[in-house]
């Protein structure tokens, strides 16, 4: 797949890549590691359209999704941190008006920002500290914003040796995380664990 010149400039320089991935819970100076951690999610983008990342950090994951998916994606992002949004606007200057500061707990107020209220795709890496029962209403609200597919991510720390008991325990914890949201009334259309050695899981809801 041919990447854009702007994307290649980042991924071909280890220091630039490390800085770009630092805000995505996956800091690395190796592009193959970054791909192994996140690229499988791009397969869930099934058509051209708009996509919102809730908790977008510096926007590099969105940038990567657009490059990896091979789709024409109009990207949008919100984050609770002013600094993260400033970094996203610097990283993606052509899309700078597509980012806004907003706490995910106020996702129902997104129309009060400069951003649209609905998208073809919505992605959300749900905070691990959130209680599924208490926050399921926010997940339902976010899913309702997606005209095609809502994708929920849950990421492990990936701090354990591959195939160790600790690694497997973390992986099982991610499966339970999805089950907790299902028990709270979230009905996923599908669930997929990262097929590489890294511990991430996604569940999606098709509109």
Protein backbone atom coordinates (compact mmCIF):
# COMPACT_ATOMS: atom_id res chain seq x y z
CA UNK A 1 0.00 0.00 0.00
CA UNK A 2 1.34 3.42 -0.93
CA UNK A 3 1.30 5.85 1.98
CA UNK A 4 1.16 9.62 1.71
CA UNK A 5 4.40 11.59 1.87
CA UNK A 6 3.32 13.19 5.16
CA UNK A 7 2.72 9.79 6.76
CA UNK A 8 5.96 8.30 5.44
CA UNK A 9 7.88 11.24 6.89
CA UNK A 10 6.71 10.24 10.36
CA UNK A 11 6.96 6.47 10.18
CA UNK A 12 10.37 6.43 8.52
CA UNK A 13 11.98 8.47 11.31
CA UNK A 14 12.16 6.58 14.64
CA UNK A 15 12.13 9.74 16.76
CA UNK A 16 9.14 11.19 14.93
CA UNK A 17 7.29 7.88 15.20
CA UNK A 18 7.99 7.60 18.92
CA UNK A 19 6.63 11.11 19.48
CA UNK A 20 3.56 10.43 17.33
CA UNK A 21 2.68 7.15 19.06
CA UNK A 22 3.31 8.42 22.58
CA UNK A 23 -0.25 9.70 22.92
CA UNK A 24 -1.85 6.49 21.64
CA UNK A 25 -1.07 4.15 24.55
CA UNK A 26 1.50 2.49 22.31
CA UNK A 27 4.78 4.46 22.29
CA UNK A 28 7.31 2.87 19.96
CA UNK A 29 10.04 3.89 17.56
CA UNK A 30 9.41 0.82 15.39
CA UNK A 31 6.76 1.02 12.71
CA UNK A 32 6.24 -2.76 12.58
CA UNK A 33 5.30 -2.70 16.27
CA UNK A 34 2.85 0.18 15.75
CA UNK A 35 1.23 -1.74 12.89
CA UNK A 36 0.97 -4.92 14.95
CA UNK A 37 -0.71 -3.02 17.78
CA UNK A 38 -3.36 -1.15 15.84
CA UNK A 39 -3.62 -1.96 12.12
CA UNK A 40 -6.19 -4.75 12.52
CA UNK A 41 -8.75 -2.10 13.50
CA UNK A 42 -8.54 -0.56 10.02
CA UNK A 43 -10.15 -3.69 8.56
CA UNK A 44 -13.39 -2.64 10.27
CA UNK A 45 -13.59 0.51 8.13
CA UNK A 46 -15.70 -0.83 5.30
CA UNK A 47 -16.30 2.19 3.09
CA UNK A 48 -15.41 5.84 2.47
CA UNK A 49 -16.92 8.36 4.83
CA UNK A 50 -16.53 10.35 8.03
CA UNK A 51 -14.99 8.99 11.22
CA UNK A 52 -14.87 10.36 14.75
CA UNK A 53 -12.28 9.26 17.30
CA UNK A 54 -13.46 9.86 20.86
CA UNK A 55 -10.32 10.50 22.87
CA UNK A 56 -8.21 11.09 19.78
CA UNK A 57 -5.06 12.23 21.62
CA UNK A 58 -2.69 13.76 19.05
CA UNK A 59 -4.60 12.35 16.07
CA UNK A 60 -1.94 9.90 14.92
CA UNK A 61 -4.20 6.87 15.26
CA UNK A 62 -6.80 8.59 13.06
CA UNK A 63 -4.04 9.48 10.60
CA UNK A 64 -2.96 5.82 10.57
CA UNK A 65 -6.51 4.53 10.11
CA UNK A 66 -6.93 6.70 7.04
CA UNK A 67 -3.64 5.45 5.58
CA UNK A 68 -4.19 1.79 6.46
CA UNK A 69 -7.83 1.48 5.45
CA UNK A 70 -7.31 2.57 1.86
CA UNK A 71 -10.59 4.47 2.20
CA UNK A 72 -11.28 8.13 1.67
CA UNK A 73 -11.87 9.11 5.28
CA UNK A 74 -12.80 12.54 6.55
CA UNK A 75 -11.40 12.43 10.08
CA UNK A 76 -12.65 14.13 13.24
CA UNK A 77 -11.53 13.90 16.83
CA UNK A 78 -12.31 15.05 20.35
CA UNK A 79 -10.19 14.87 23.47
CA UNK A 80 -10.49 16.23 26.99
CA UNK A 81 -6.94 17.66 26.89
CA UNK A 82 -6.30 21.03 25.24
CA UNK A 83 -2.69 20.05 24.54
CA UNK A 84 -3.75 16.87 22.73
CA UNK A 85 -6.05 18.82 20.43
CA UNK A 86 -3.33 21.39 19.75
CA UNK A 87 -1.00 18.56 18.77
CA UNK A 88 -3.63 16.99 16.52
CA UNK A 89 -4.13 20.28 14.69
CA UNK A 90 -0.38 20.58 14.18
CA UNK A 91 -0.05 16.99 13.01
CA UNK A 92 -2.99 17.25 10.60
CA UNK A 93 -3.15 20.90 9.51
CA UNK A 94 -5.51 20.20 6.61
CA UNK A 95 -7.99 18.80 9.14
CA UNK A 96 -7.37 21.28 11.95
CA UNK A 97 -11.00 22.42 12.04
CA UNK A 98 -12.08 18.80 12.61
CA UNK A 99 -10.78 18.61 16.19
CA UNK A 100 -12.35 19.94 19.38
CA UNK A 101 -11.83 19.80 23.13
CA UNK A 102 -14.64 17.80 24.74
CA UNK A 103 -14.79 15.39 27.67
CA UNK A 104 -16.09 12.01 26.52
CA UNK A 105 -18.51 12.09 29.45
CA UNK A 106 -20.18 14.99 27.63
CA UNK A 107 -20.38 13.20 24.29
CA UNK A 108 -24.08 14.05 24.03
CA UNK A 109 -23.04 17.71 23.79
CA UNK A 110 -20.85 17.28 20.71
CA UNK A 111 -23.28 19.30 18.60
CA UNK A 112 -22.38 22.29 20.79
CA UNK A 113 -18.83 22.17 19.44
CA UNK A 114 -17.91 22.95 15.85
CA UNK A 115 -18.13 19.25 14.94
CA UNK A 116 -20.99 17.29 13.36
CA UNK A 117 -23.39 15.28 15.50
CA UNK A 118 -23.27 12.16 13.27
CA UNK A 119 -20.58 10.20 11.40
CA UNK A 120 -20.29 7.10 9.28
CA UNK A 121 -17.89 5.56 11.80
CA UNK A 122 -17.21 6.29 15.45
CA UNK A 123 -14.24 4.81 17.31
CA UNK A 124 -13.77 4.93 21.07
CA UNK A 125 -11.01 3.39 23.16
CA UNK A 126 -13.08 3.18 26.34
CA UNK A 127 -11.11 4.06 29.50
CA UNK A 128 -10.20 0.95 31.45
CA UNK A 129 -11.17 2.60 34.74
CA UNK A 130 -14.77 3.12 33.64
CA UNK A 131 -17.43 0.89 35.12
CA UNK A 132 -19.43 -0.75 32.35
CA UNK A 133 -22.78 -0.47 34.11
CA UNK A 134 -22.28 3.18 35.02
CA UNK A 135 -21.06 4.27 31.60
CA UNK A 136 -23.08 2.08 29.24
CA UNK A 137 -25.42 5.00 28.54
CA UNK A 138 -22.49 6.96 27.09
CA UNK A 139 -21.49 4.02 24.89
CA UNK A 140 -25.07 3.81 23.61
CA UNK A 141 -25.04 7.55 22.88
CA UNK A 142 -21.77 7.25 20.97
CA UNK A 143 -23.04 4.23 19.04
CA UNK A 144 -26.12 6.23 18.08
CA UNK A 145 -23.88 8.77 16.38
CA UNK A 146 -22.56 6.19 13.91
CA UNK A 147 -24.49 5.77 10.68
CA UNK A 148 -22.51 2.70 9.62
CA UNK A 149 -20.48 1.27 12.49
CA UNK A 150 -19.47 2.07 16.05
CA UNK A 151 -16.18 0.51 17.18
CA UNK A 152 -15.23 0.20 20.84
CA UNK A 153 -11.62 -0.54 21.72
CA UNK A 154 -10.16 -1.94 24.93
CA UNK A 155 -6.37 -1.95 25.19
CA UNK A 156 -4.09 -3.96 27.42
CA UNK A 157 -0.86 -2.66 28.91
CA UNK A 158 1.20 -5.12 26.85
CA UNK A 159 3.78 -5.10 29.61
CA UNK A 160 4.02 -8.89 29.93
CA UNK A 161 6.01 -11.48 27.99
CA UNK A 162 4.08 -12.98 25.11
CA UNK A 163 2.28 -16.22 26.04
CA UNK A 164 3.16 -15.89 29.71
CA UNK A 165 0.45 -16.51 32.34
CA UNK A 166 0.33 -12.75 32.98
CA UNK A 167 -0.10 -12.06 29.26
CA UNK A 168 -2.95 -14.56 29.04
CA UNK A 169 -4.55 -13.13 32.19
CA UNK A 170 -4.52 -9.67 30.62
CA UNK A 171 -5.99 -11.05 27.41
CA UNK A 172 -8.76 -12.77 29.32
CA UNK A 173 -9.42 -9.53 31.18
CA UNK A 174 -10.08 -7.79 27.86
CA UNK A 175 -12.62 -10.48 26.94
CA UNK A 176 -14.33 -9.96 30.29
CA UNK A 177 -14.38 -6.20 29.66
CA UNK A 178 -16.46 -6.74 26.53
CA UNK A 179 -18.70 -9.16 28.42
CA UNK A 180 -19.25 -6.56 31.16
CA UNK A 181 -20.55 -4.07 28.60
CA UNK A 182 -22.76 -6.75 27.08
CA UNK A 183 -24.14 -7.49 30.53
CA UNK A 184 -24.90 -3.77 30.82
CA UNK A 185 -27.04 -3.94 27.69
CA UNK A 186 -24.54 -3.17 24.91
CA UNK A 187 -25.13 -5.61 22.07
CA UNK A 188 -22.07 -5.96 19.85
CA UNK A 189 -22.44 -7.14 16.27
CA UNK A 190 -18.97 -8.66 16.45
CA UNK A 191 -15.84 -8.88 18.60
CA UNK A 192 -12.24 -9.36 17.50
CA UNK A 193 -9.03 -9.78 19.46
CA UNK A 194 -5.84 -8.40 17.94
CA UNK A 195 -4.44 -11.36 15.95
CA UNK A 196 -0.84 -10.38 16.78
CA UNK A 197 0.90 -10.88 20.12
CA UNK A 198 -0.38 -7.54 21.43
CA UNK A 199 -3.36 -7.37 23.74
CA UNK A 200 -6.16 -5.28 22.28
CA UNK A 201 -9.78 -6.14 21.63
CA UNK A 202 -12.51 -4.38 19.70
CA UNK A 203 -16.25 -4.83 19.63
CA UNK A 204 -18.44 -3.18 17.02
CA UNK A 205 -22.07 -2.29 16.56
CA UNK A 206 -23.45 -2.06 13.04
CA UNK A 207 -26.18 0.50 12.47
